[in-house]
Structures are given as structure tokens and as C-alpha cells.
Amino acid sequence: MRWQRIFKKQVFWRTLLYSFGLYVVLFLFVAFGLKIYTHHGKSFPVPDFKGLERERVFELAKKNHLNLQIIDSTYLPYLTKGSVIEQSPQPGVHVKRNRTIFLTVNAFNQAKVEMPNVVGVSFRQGKTTLESRGLKVGRLIYAPDFAKNNILKQMIGGTNVSPGEMIEKDQRIDLVLGNGYGQSTSSIPKLFDLNYSRASNEIIDAYFNVGRVSYDSSVKTYSDSISARVWKQYPAYFEGGRAVMGSRVDIWLSMDPAQYVKAEL
């Protein structure tokens, strides 16, 4: 029965060889299939969608085989309606095809709120009331009146605005304040290392107006403008320094740490 043993051995080795061959073929199929599916593992930089309008954004996303999802919107009157304000991942980050890019866009219409009545109350109380309605303090204008820092008028662009009138949220309300029949002064705030939001609030709280706002070349995007910090101000801060209420304070902002180092020297 020797030939039977030989035959069985040949069948065994043939089966083993076929099994091994099948395994290799399946492995190569899966490996190459995945590479084809993922385009050989290649990635490419995310385009910069910031500042682009809706049509251009979708056109660029389609060209680069990317998906888009709008996750938030805000209203910035100085930017084009519907344009992209922020994105994630950021421009230049390498991703693969079909990656979803999350966008924050500029709203087409701002919500409306009811104008409160802040005439006759103190500046501090009026500011709190305006902010509670989603409004902001604009310019401070001083006029002759015995009630120092009491609100005499509430205006938008030089025109009185009546209580109950529906106006856009985030609108800046100019306030006419009493000067106490004198040219009063206030302490100059220290603004170094503050971002624009905090710096402007400090300026207004000190009874001044936000003057010229300058960003250097390190500030390239809307996000940068939010993060940039004050490295210079005029009038300059010094201990005991004061200026006339209602005057303006100019600020310079940067994202460059070297500016802060120079300013501190």
C-alpha cells in the first residue's frame, strides 16, 4: 500500500499549498483593496474656506472631495452674509477624502430685540440693562447736566431710539451722559495683554471711548483678531494717570509675542 501513502502525502501537500496560495491571494486583495479605497493612504491639506461665500465654499469642497457641516452661525455686520467665519480642521491640516469640515458662518439676518429705556438711570445701571438685552454700549457723549454720568439720551447713529423699538441684537447704543457741569477726568485703564473684547470693555467702564484699533500683520483671520492682545495704547497707562471723560483711547493689537517683549522693555 505504499502508493496509497504517497498519494495521501501528495494530496496533503497539494491541499496545504492551495490553502497557502488562497491565503496570500486574499491578503493581497484586502491590502490592495484598502489602499485603493483610501487612495494609497494619501492625504491632502484642507483648503482655506474662511471669508468665502456659500457658492464658492461648496464648489471648493466638491473639488477636494470633502463634506461640509455648518455647526454654528453668528452675525457680524462687517462680513459678507453667509460667508465662513471659522472652520475645523484648520486650513493646511492634512486629511483624507470624504472628511467632514465643520463650519461657522455669518448669519444672513440678525435677531431683533426690544430697546429698553435707560434714560434717567446711571451709566452703570444702563450698561447692565443694555447688555442683558444683547445690546452694547457705543459712544459716550458728555453734555451739560448736573447729574454726572446719568443717561440723558439713548441713540443709534445720532438719532434717538425709543423704548420698545425693535432693533438688531448686538447693536451699539450711543449714550449721552451728564458731565456735572464740569470737565471731569477718569483713571486711564491698563490694557496691556488684554484681547479686544476685554480691552474695549475696560475702556468703556472707565468712561472713555474706544478710539483707533490697529492690528499688525500677524493678525490674519477673524479668529486671530479675537485672540490678539494689546501691546500698546494711547494715552499710555501710568500710575495715577488720568484723562478727560469721553475722550478716546487708541489700542494696538498683535499675535506676535515679540511685540509684547518690546513693549515691556
C-alpha atoms as a PDB file:
ATOM      1  CA  MET A   1       0.000   0.000   0.000  1.00  0.00           C
ATOM      2  CA  ARG A   2       2.988   2.238  -0.438  1.00  0.00           C
ATOM      3  CA  TRP A   3       1.410   4.039  -3.401  1.00  0.00           C
ATOM      4  CA  GLN A   4      -1.597   4.971  -1.184  1.00  0.00           C
ATOM      5  CA  ARG A   5       0.693   6.593   1.383  1.00  0.00           C
ATOM      6  CA  ILE A   6       2.462   8.512  -1.371  1.00  0.00           C
ATOM      7  CA  PHE A   7      -0.871   9.601  -2.822  1.00  0.00           C
ATOM      8  CA  LYS A   8      -2.125  10.796   0.556  1.00  0.00           C
ATOM      9  CA  LYS A   9       1.078  12.772   1.096  1.00  0.00           C
ATOM     10  CA  GLN A  10       0.728  14.364  -2.318  1.00  0.00           C
ATOM     11  CA  VAL A  11      -2.906  15.311  -1.591  1.00  0.00           C
ATOM     12  CA  PHE A  12      -1.896  16.763   1.796  1.00  0.00           C
ATOM     13  CA  TRP A  13       0.878  18.915   0.380  1.00  0.00           C
ATOM     14  CA  ARG A  14      -1.246  19.961  -2.575  1.00  0.00           C
ATOM     15  CA  THR A  15      -4.065  20.989  -0.236  1.00  0.00           C
ATOM     16  CA  LEU A  16      -1.631  22.848   2.011  1.00  0.00           C
ATOM     17  CA  LEU A  17      -0.135  24.626  -0.975  1.00  0.00           C
ATOM     18  CA  TYR A  18      -3.552  25.607  -2.310  1.00  0.00           C
ATOM     19  CA  SER A  19      -4.593  26.873   1.134  1.00  0.00           C
ATOM     20  CA  PHE A  20      -1.438  28.928   1.443  1.00  0.00           C
ATOM     21  CA  GLY A  21      -1.925  30.310  -2.063  1.00  0.00           C
ATOM     22  CA  LEU A  22      -5.532  31.241  -1.269  1.00  0.00           C
ATOM     23  CA  TYR A  23      -4.414  32.982   1.919  1.00  0.00           C
ATOM     24  CA  VAL A  24      -1.804  35.004   0.000  1.00  0.00           C
ATOM     25  CA  VAL A  25      -4.342  35.978  -2.665  1.00  0.00           C
ATOM     26  CA  LEU A  26      -6.892  37.072  -0.037  1.00  0.00           C
ATOM     27  CA  PHE A  27      -4.251  39.045   1.864  1.00  0.00           C
ATOM     28  CA  LEU A  28      -3.120  40.867  -1.270  1.00  0.00           C
ATOM     29  CA  PHE A  29      -6.713  41.525  -2.292  1.00  0.00           C
ATOM     30  CA  VAL A  30      -7.585  43.059   1.080  1.00  0.00           C
ATOM     31  CA  ALA A  31      -4.337  45.042   1.284  1.00  0.00           C
ATOM     32  CA  PHE A  32      -4.608  46.484  -2.207  1.00  0.00           C
ATOM     33  CA  GLY A  33      -8.330  46.987  -1.832  1.00  0.00           C
ATOM     34  CA  LEU A  34      -7.819  49.115   1.275  1.00  0.00           C
ATOM     35  CA  LYS A  35      -5.091  51.090  -0.438  1.00  0.00           C
ATOM     36  CA  ILE A  36      -7.349  51.773  -3.385  1.00  0.00           C
ATOM     37  CA  TYR A  37     -10.232  52.731  -1.058  1.00  0.00           C
ATOM     38  CA  THR A  38      -8.062  55.126   0.922  1.00  0.00           C
ATOM     39  CA  HIS A  39      -6.198  56.297  -2.160  1.00  0.00           C
ATOM     40  CA  HIS A  40      -2.985  54.615  -1.007  1.00  0.00           C
ATOM     41  CA  GLY A  41      -3.177  56.360   2.363  1.00  0.00           C
ATOM     42  CA  LYS A  42      -2.554  59.743   0.798  1.00  0.00           C
ATOM     43  CA  SER A  43      -3.819  62.895   2.433  1.00  0.00           C
ATOM     44  CA  PHE A  44      -4.003  66.496   1.285  1.00  0.00           C
ATOM     45  CA  PRO A  45      -4.161  69.910   3.009  1.00  0.00           C
ATOM     46  CA  VAL A  46      -7.570  71.347   3.879  1.00  0.00           C
ATOM     47  CA  PRO A  47      -8.393  74.419   1.747  1.00  0.00           C
ATOM     48  CA  ASP A  48      -8.956  77.781   3.413  1.00  0.00           C
ATOM     49  CA  PHE A  49     -12.728  78.350   3.418  1.00  0.00           C
ATOM     50  CA  LYS A  50     -12.596  81.438   5.657  1.00  0.00           C
ATOM     51  CA  GLY A  51     -14.153  84.528   4.138  1.00  0.00           C
ATOM     52  CA  LEU A  52     -15.572  82.628   1.165  1.00  0.00           C
ATOM     53  CA  GLU A  53     -19.223  82.856   0.194  1.00  0.00           C
ATOM     54  CA  ARG A  54     -21.573  79.870   0.138  1.00  0.00           C
ATOM     55  CA  GLU A  55     -21.317  79.021  -3.578  1.00  0.00           C
ATOM     56  CA  ARG A  56     -17.516  79.114  -3.601  1.00  0.00           C
ATOM     57  CA  VAL A  57     -17.321  77.038  -0.398  1.00  0.00           C
ATOM     58  CA  PHE A  58     -19.405  74.186  -1.824  1.00  0.00           C
ATOM     59  CA  GLU A  59     -17.556  74.353  -5.124  1.00  0.00           C
ATOM     60  CA  LEU A  60     -14.174  74.055  -3.373  1.00  0.00           C
ATOM     61  CA  ALA A  61     -15.409  71.238  -1.117  1.00  0.00           C
ATOM     62  CA  LYS A  62     -16.703  69.237  -4.095  1.00  0.00           C
ATOM     63  CA  LYS A  63     -13.443  69.713  -5.967  1.00  0.00           C
ATOM     64  CA  ASN A  64     -11.483  68.375  -2.982  1.00  0.00           C
ATOM     65  CA  HIS A  65     -13.962  65.539  -2.194  1.00  0.00           C
ATOM     66  CA  LEU A  66     -14.815  66.960   1.239  1.00  0.00           C
ATOM     67  CA  ASN A  67     -18.084  67.028   3.159  1.00  0.00           C
ATOM     68  CA  LEU A  68     -19.338  70.162   4.889  1.00  0.00           C
ATOM     69  CA  GLN A  69     -21.387  70.642   8.031  1.00  0.00           C
ATOM     70  CA  ILE A  70     -22.480  74.012   9.438  1.00  0.00           C
ATOM     71  CA  ILE A  71     -22.407  73.757  13.212  1.00  0.00           C
ATOM     72  CA  ASP A  72     -22.889  77.387  14.243  1.00  0.00           C
ATOM     73  CA  SER A  73     -23.658  80.872  12.990  1.00  0.00           C
ATOM     74  CA  THR A  74     -23.179  84.361  14.310  1.00  0.00           C
ATOM     75  CA  TYR A  75     -23.881  87.806  12.941  1.00  0.00           C
ATOM     76  CA  LEU A  76     -21.016  90.150  12.077  1.00  0.00           C
ATOM     77  CA  PRO A  77     -22.318  93.148  10.108  1.00  0.00           C
ATOM     78  CA  TYR A  78     -18.921  93.958   8.582  1.00  0.00           C
ATOM     79  CA  LEU A  79     -18.591  90.496   6.958  1.00  0.00           C
ATOM     80  CA  THR A  80     -20.446  89.117   3.922  1.00  0.00           C
ATOM     81  CA  LYS A  81     -23.660  87.341   4.870  1.00  0.00           C
ATOM     82  CA  GLY A  82     -23.316  83.576   4.610  1.00  0.00           C
ATOM     83  CA  SER A  83     -19.512  83.682   4.445  1.00  0.00           C
ATOM     84  CA  VAL A  84     -17.378  81.327   6.533  1.00  0.00           C
ATOM     85  CA  ILE A  85     -16.032  82.743   9.798  1.00  0.00           C
ATOM     86  CA  GLU A  86     -14.334  79.644  11.232  1.00  0.00           C
ATOM     87  CA  GLN A  87     -13.581  76.069  10.184  1.00  0.00           C
ATOM     88  CA  SER A  88     -12.352  72.834  11.747  1.00  0.00           C
ATOM     89  CA  PRO A  89      -9.950  71.295  10.825  1.00  0.00           C
ATOM     90  CA  GLN A  90      -7.987  74.488  10.155  1.00  0.00           C
ATOM     91  CA  PRO A  91      -6.553  75.300   6.696  1.00  0.00           C
ATOM     92  CA  GLY A  92      -3.423  73.337   5.882  1.00  0.00           C
ATOM     93  CA  VAL A  93      -4.199  70.354   8.135  1.00  0.00           C
ATOM     94  CA  HIS A  94      -3.796  67.115   6.151  1.00  0.00           C
ATOM     95  CA  VAL A  95      -6.920  64.958   5.810  1.00  0.00           C
ATOM     96  CA  LYS A  96      -8.184  62.165   3.557  1.00  0.00           C
ATOM     97  CA  ARG A  97     -11.040  62.207   1.084  1.00  0.00           C
ATOM     98  CA  ASN A  98     -14.621  62.470   2.374  1.00  0.00           C
ATOM     99  CA  ARG A  99     -13.513  64.139   5.615  1.00  0.00           C
ATOM    100  CA  THR A 100     -16.186  66.401   7.118  1.00  0.00           C
ATOM    101  CA  ILE A 101     -15.210  70.040   7.585  1.00  0.00           C
ATOM    102  CA  PHE A 102     -17.179  71.846  10.305  1.00  0.00           C
ATOM    103  CA  LEU A 103     -18.032  75.477   9.592  1.00  0.00           C
ATOM    104  CA  THR A 104     -19.185  78.564  11.479  1.00  0.00           C
ATOM    105  CA  VAL A 105     -20.858  81.017   9.113  1.00  0.00           C
ATOM    106  CA  ASN A 106     -22.023  84.607   9.212  1.00  0.00           C
ATOM    107  CA  ALA A 107     -25.788  84.689   9.614  1.00  0.00           C
ATOM    108  CA  PHE A 108     -27.939  86.264   6.897  1.00  0.00           C
ATOM    109  CA  ASN A 109     -30.145  88.091   9.387  1.00  0.00           C
ATOM    110  CA  GLN A 110     -29.576  89.267  12.924  1.00  0.00           C
ATOM    111  CA  ALA A 111     -32.154  88.592  15.623  1.00  0.00           C
ATOM    112  CA  LYS A 112     -34.197  91.559  16.841  1.00  0.00           C
ATOM    113  CA  VAL A 113     -34.564  92.670  20.445  1.00  0.00           C
ATOM    114  CA  GLU A 114     -36.674  95.296  22.151  1.00  0.00           C
ATOM    115  CA  MET A 115     -34.923  98.524  23.064  1.00  0.00           C
ATOM    116  CA  PRO A 116     -35.133  99.132  26.817  1.00  0.00           C
ATOM    117  CA  ASN A 117     -35.431 102.549  28.444  1.00  0.00           C
ATOM    118  CA  VAL A 118     -32.144 103.532  30.077  1.00  0.00           C
ATOM    119  CA  VAL A 119     -32.724 107.293  30.095  1.00  0.00           C
ATOM    120  CA  GLY A 120     -32.633 108.713  33.616  1.00  0.00           C
ATOM    121  CA  VAL A 121     -30.518 105.964  35.177  1.00  0.00           C
ATOM    122  CA  SER A 122     -26.808 105.847  35.954  1.00  0.00           C
ATOM    123  CA  PHE A 123     -24.329 104.756  33.309  1.00  0.00           C
ATOM    124  CA  ARG A 124     -23.506 101.560  35.249  1.00  0.00           C
ATOM    125  CA  GLN A 125     -27.154 100.571  35.524  1.00  0.00           C
ATOM    126  CA  GLY A 126     -27.875 101.452  31.909  1.00  0.00           C
ATOM    127  CA  LYS A 127     -24.897  99.450  30.643  1.00  0.00           C
ATOM    128  CA  THR A 128     -26.032  96.392  32.606  1.00  0.00           C
ATOM    129  CA  THR A 129     -29.577  96.738  31.229  1.00  0.00           C
ATOM    130  CA  LEU A 130     -28.375  97.052  27.634  1.00  0.00           C
ATOM    131  CA  GLU A 131     -26.077  94.040  27.926  1.00  0.00           C
ATOM    132  CA  SER A 132     -28.880  91.955  29.438  1.00  0.00           C
ATOM    133  CA  ARG A 133     -30.853  92.569  26.208  1.00  0.00           C
ATOM    134  CA  GLY A 134     -27.932  91.587  23.987  1.00  0.00           C
ATOM    135  CA  LEU A 135     -27.030  95.184  23.160  1.00  0.00           C
ATOM    136  CA  LYS A 136     -23.720  97.014  23.527  1.00  0.00           C
ATOM    137  CA  VAL A 137     -22.635 100.467  24.619  1.00  0.00           C
ATOM    138  CA  GLY A 138     -21.414 102.572  21.719  1.00  0.00           C
ATOM    139  CA  ARG A 139     -20.031 106.098  22.059  1.00  0.00           C
ATOM    140  CA  LEU A 140     -20.183 108.078  25.272  1.00  0.00           C
ATOM    141  CA  ILE A 141     -21.082 111.727  24.656  1.00  0.00           C
ATOM    142  CA  TYR A 142     -20.959 114.205  27.525  1.00  0.00           C
ATOM    143  CA  ALA A 143     -23.405 117.110  27.719  1.00  0.00           C
ATOM    144  CA  PRO A 144     -24.038 119.835  30.323  1.00  0.00           C
ATOM    145  CA  ASP A 145     -26.205 118.479  33.129  1.00  0.00           C
ATOM    146  CA  PHE A 146     -25.936 118.457  36.907  1.00  0.00           C
ATOM    147  CA  ALA A 147     -26.477 114.663  37.104  1.00  0.00           C
ATOM    148  CA  LYS A 148     -22.959 113.424  36.433  1.00  0.00           C
ATOM    149  CA  ASN A 149     -22.815 110.150  34.419  1.00  0.00           C
ATOM    150  CA  ASN A 150     -26.603 109.833  34.329  1.00  0.00           C
ATOM    151  CA  ILE A 151     -28.009 108.910  30.924  1.00  0.00           C
ATOM    152  CA  LEU A 152     -29.739 111.816  29.170  1.00  0.00           C
ATOM    153  CA  LYS A 153     -30.336 110.231  25.742  1.00  0.00           C
ATOM    154  CA  GLN A 154     -30.105 106.846  24.027  1.00  0.00           C
ATOM    155  CA  MET A 155     -29.249 106.970  20.330  1.00  0.00           C
ATOM    156  CA  ILE A 156     -28.228 104.997  17.258  1.00  0.00           C
ATOM    157  CA  GLY A 157     -26.143 106.880  14.703  1.00  0.00           C
ATOM    158  CA  GLY A 158     -27.117 110.277  16.103  1.00  0.00           C
ATOM    159  CA  THR A 159     -30.860 109.541  16.175  1.00  0.00           C
ATOM    160  CA  ASN A 160     -32.861 108.977  19.344  1.00  0.00           C
ATOM    161  CA  VAL A 161     -34.148 105.426  19.733  1.00  0.00           C
ATOM    162  CA  SER A 162     -37.394 104.943  21.620  1.00  0.00           C
ATOM    163  CA  PRO A 163     -38.037 102.305  24.292  1.00  0.00           C
ATOM    164  CA  GLY A 164     -39.892  99.320  22.837  1.00  0.00           C
ATOM    165  CA  GLU A 165     -38.466  99.807  19.344  1.00  0.00           C
ATOM    166  CA  MET A 166     -37.238  96.549  17.771  1.00  0.00           C
ATOM    167  CA  ILE A 167     -33.566  96.759  16.866  1.00  0.00           C
ATOM    168  CA  GLU A 168     -30.888  94.283  15.854  1.00  0.00           C
ATOM    169  CA  LYS A 169     -29.172  92.296  18.584  1.00  0.00           C
ATOM    170  CA  ASP A 170     -25.549  93.373  19.246  1.00  0.00           C
ATOM    171  CA  GLN A 171     -26.427  96.904  18.109  1.00  0.00           C
ATOM    172  CA  ARG A 172     -24.265  99.596  19.721  1.00  0.00           C
ATOM    173  CA  ILE A 173     -26.234 102.225  21.582  1.00  0.00           C
ATOM    174  CA  ASP A 174     -24.654 105.662  21.934  1.00  0.00           C
ATOM    175  CA  LEU A 175     -25.315 107.291  25.293  1.00  0.00           C
ATOM    176  CA  VAL A 176     -25.420 110.982  26.172  1.00  0.00           C
ATOM    177  CA  LEU A 177     -24.270 111.430  29.773  1.00  0.00           C
ATOM    178  CA  GLY A 178     -24.372 114.388  32.139  1.00  0.00           C
ATOM    179  CA  ASN A 179     -21.000 115.987  32.851  1.00  0.00           C
ATOM    180  CA  GLY A 180     -21.925 117.538  36.189  1.00  0.00           C
ATOM    181  CA  TYR A 181     -21.295 120.963  34.635  1.00  0.00           C
ATOM    182  CA  GLY A 182     -17.571 120.370  34.514  1.00  0.00           C
ATOM    183  CA  GLN A 183     -14.820 118.636  32.560  1.00  0.00           C
ATOM    184  CA  SER A 184     -14.321 115.576  34.736  1.00  0.00           C
ATOM    185  CA  THR A 185     -11.460 113.119  34.397  1.00  0.00           C
ATOM    186  CA  SER A 186     -11.118 109.380  34.950  1.00  0.00           C
ATOM    187  CA  SER A 187      -8.216 106.995  35.566  1.00  0.00           C
ATOM    188  CA  ILE A 188      -6.601 105.642  32.404  1.00  0.00           C
ATOM    189  CA  PRO A 189      -7.057 101.838  32.389  1.00  0.00           C
ATOM    190  CA  LYS A 190      -4.153  99.423  31.944  1.00  0.00           C
ATOM    191  CA  LEU A 191      -4.897  97.469  28.771  1.00  0.00           C
ATOM    192  CA  PHE A 192      -1.632  95.626  28.135  1.00  0.00           C
ATOM    193  CA  ASP A 193      -2.067  91.934  27.276  1.00  0.00           C
ATOM    194  CA  LEU A 194      -5.882  92.127  27.020  1.00  0.00           C
ATOM    195  CA  ASN A 195      -7.799  90.972  23.931  1.00  0.00           C
ATOM    196  CA  TYR A 196     -10.077  93.413  22.106  1.00  0.00           C
ATOM    197  CA  SER A 197     -13.246  92.368  23.916  1.00  0.00           C
ATOM    198  CA  ARG A 198     -11.784  92.867  27.390  1.00  0.00           C
ATOM    199  CA  ALA A 199      -9.852  95.985  26.444  1.00  0.00           C
ATOM    200  CA  SER A 200     -12.879  97.727  24.919  1.00  0.00           C
ATOM    201  CA  ASN A 201     -14.941  96.864  27.985  1.00  0.00           C
ATOM    202  CA  GLU A 202     -12.261  98.314  30.286  1.00  0.00           C
ATOM    203  CA  ILE A 203     -12.168 101.495  28.203  1.00  0.00           C
ATOM    204  CA  ILE A 204     -15.945 101.987  28.341  1.00  0.00           C
ATOM    205  CA  ASP A 205     -16.132 101.125  32.044  1.00  0.00           C
ATOM    206  CA  ALA A 206     -13.591 103.897  32.677  1.00  0.00           C
ATOM    207  CA  TYR A 207     -15.897 106.396  30.853  1.00  0.00           C
ATOM    208  CA  PHE A 208     -13.771 106.618  27.708  1.00  0.00           C
ATOM    209  CA  ASN A 209     -14.463 105.782  24.066  1.00  0.00           C
ATOM    210  CA  VAL A 210     -12.697 103.114  22.028  1.00  0.00           C
ATOM    211  CA  GLY A 211     -10.630 105.034  19.509  1.00  0.00           C
ATOM    212  CA  ARG A 212      -8.462 103.686  16.723  1.00  0.00           C
ATOM    213  CA  VAL A 213      -7.998  99.891  16.766  1.00  0.00           C
ATOM    214  CA  SER A 214      -4.903  98.712  14.862  1.00  0.00           C
ATOM    215  CA  TYR A 215      -3.891  95.120  14.123  1.00  0.00           C
ATOM    216  CA  ASP A 216      -0.414  94.293  12.851  1.00  0.00           C
ATOM    217  CA  SER A 217       0.495  91.824  10.081  1.00  0.00           C
ATOM    218  CA  SER A 218       0.484  88.853  12.484  1.00  0.00           C
ATOM    219  CA  VAL A 219      -3.314  89.087  12.650  1.00  0.00           C
ATOM    220  CA  LYS A 220      -4.568  87.353   9.519  1.00  0.00           C
ATOM    221  CA  THR A 221      -8.000  85.894  10.337  1.00  0.00           C
ATOM    222  CA  TYR A 222     -11.139  86.684  12.313  1.00  0.00           C
ATOM    223  CA  SER A 223     -10.010  84.115  14.876  1.00  0.00           C
ATOM    224  CA  ASP A 224      -6.660  85.912  15.161  1.00  0.00           C
ATOM    225  CA  SER A 225      -8.431  89.221  15.784  1.00  0.00           C
ATOM    226  CA  ILE A 226     -10.253  87.659  18.732  1.00  0.00           C
ATOM    227  CA  SER A 227      -7.070  86.191  20.222  1.00  0.00           C
ATOM    228  CA  ALA A 228      -4.762  89.158  19.525  1.00  0.00           C
ATOM    229  CA  ARG A 229      -3.678  91.123  22.580  1.00  0.00           C
ATOM    230  CA  VAL A 230      -2.962  94.773  23.267  1.00  0.00           C
ATOM    231  CA  TRP A 231       0.727  95.662  23.240  1.00  0.00           C
ATOM    232  CA  LYS A 232       0.349  99.460  23.026  1.00  0.00           C
ATOM    233  CA  GLN A 233      -2.223 102.064  23.986  1.00  0.00           C
ATOM    234  CA  TYR A 234      -2.652 105.833  23.795  1.00  0.00           C
ATOM    235  CA  PRO A 235      -2.920 107.620  26.150  1.00  0.00           C
ATOM    236  CA  ALA A 236      -0.334 105.328  27.772  1.00  0.00           C
ATOM    237  CA  TYR A 237      -1.068 103.857  31.158  1.00  0.00           C
ATOM    238  CA  PHE A 238       0.893 105.065  34.157  1.00  0.00           C
ATOM    239  CA  GLU A 239       0.114 105.023  37.836  1.00  0.00           C
ATOM    240  CA  GLY A 240      -2.127 107.952  38.696  1.00  0.00           C
ATOM    241  CA  GLY A 241      -2.658 108.838  35.012  1.00  0.00           C
ATOM    242  CA  ARG A 242      -5.990 110.463  34.159  1.00  0.00           C
ATOM    243  CA  ALA A 243      -7.750 111.777  31.051  1.00  0.00           C
ATOM    244  CA  VAL A 244     -10.951 113.676  30.258  1.00  0.00           C
ATOM    245  CA  MET A 245     -14.088 111.504  30.328  1.00  0.00           C
ATOM    246  CA  GLY A 246     -15.467 110.822  26.883  1.00  0.00           C
ATOM    247  CA  SER A 247     -12.076 111.131  25.208  1.00  0.00           C
ATOM    248  CA  ARG A 248     -10.826 108.226  23.137  1.00  0.00           C
ATOM    249  CA  VAL A 249      -8.261 105.522  23.851  1.00  0.00           C
ATOM    250  CA  ASP A 250      -6.406 104.023  20.880  1.00  0.00           C
ATOM    251  CA  ILE A 251      -5.106 100.453  21.025  1.00  0.00           C
ATOM    252  CA  TRP A 252      -2.671  98.322  19.009  1.00  0.00           C
ATOM    253  CA  LEU A 253      -3.034  94.528  18.977  1.00  0.00           C
ATOM    254  CA  SER A 254      -0.827  91.674  17.822  1.00  0.00           C
ATOM    255  CA  MET A 255      -0.392  87.904  17.823  1.00  0.00           C
ATOM    256  CA  ASP A 256       3.410  88.295  17.798  1.00  0.00           C
ATOM    257  CA  PRO A 257       4.993  87.605  21.234  1.00  0.00           C
ATOM    258  CA  ALA A 258       7.955  89.784  20.225  1.00  0.00           C
ATOM    259  CA  GLN A 259       5.684  92.827  20.340  1.00  0.00           C
ATOM    260  CA  TYR A 260       4.848  92.192  23.992  1.00  0.00           C
ATOM    261  CA  VAL A 261       8.510  91.732  24.863  1.00  0.00           C
ATOM    262  CA  LYS A 262       9.438  95.029  23.200  1.00  0.00           C
ATOM    263  CA  ALA A 263       6.528  96.785  24.906  1.00  0.00           C
ATOM    264  CA  GLU A 264       7.667  95.580  28.323  1.00  0.00           C
ATOM    265  CA  LEU A 265      11.253  96.824  27.871  1.00  0.00           C
END
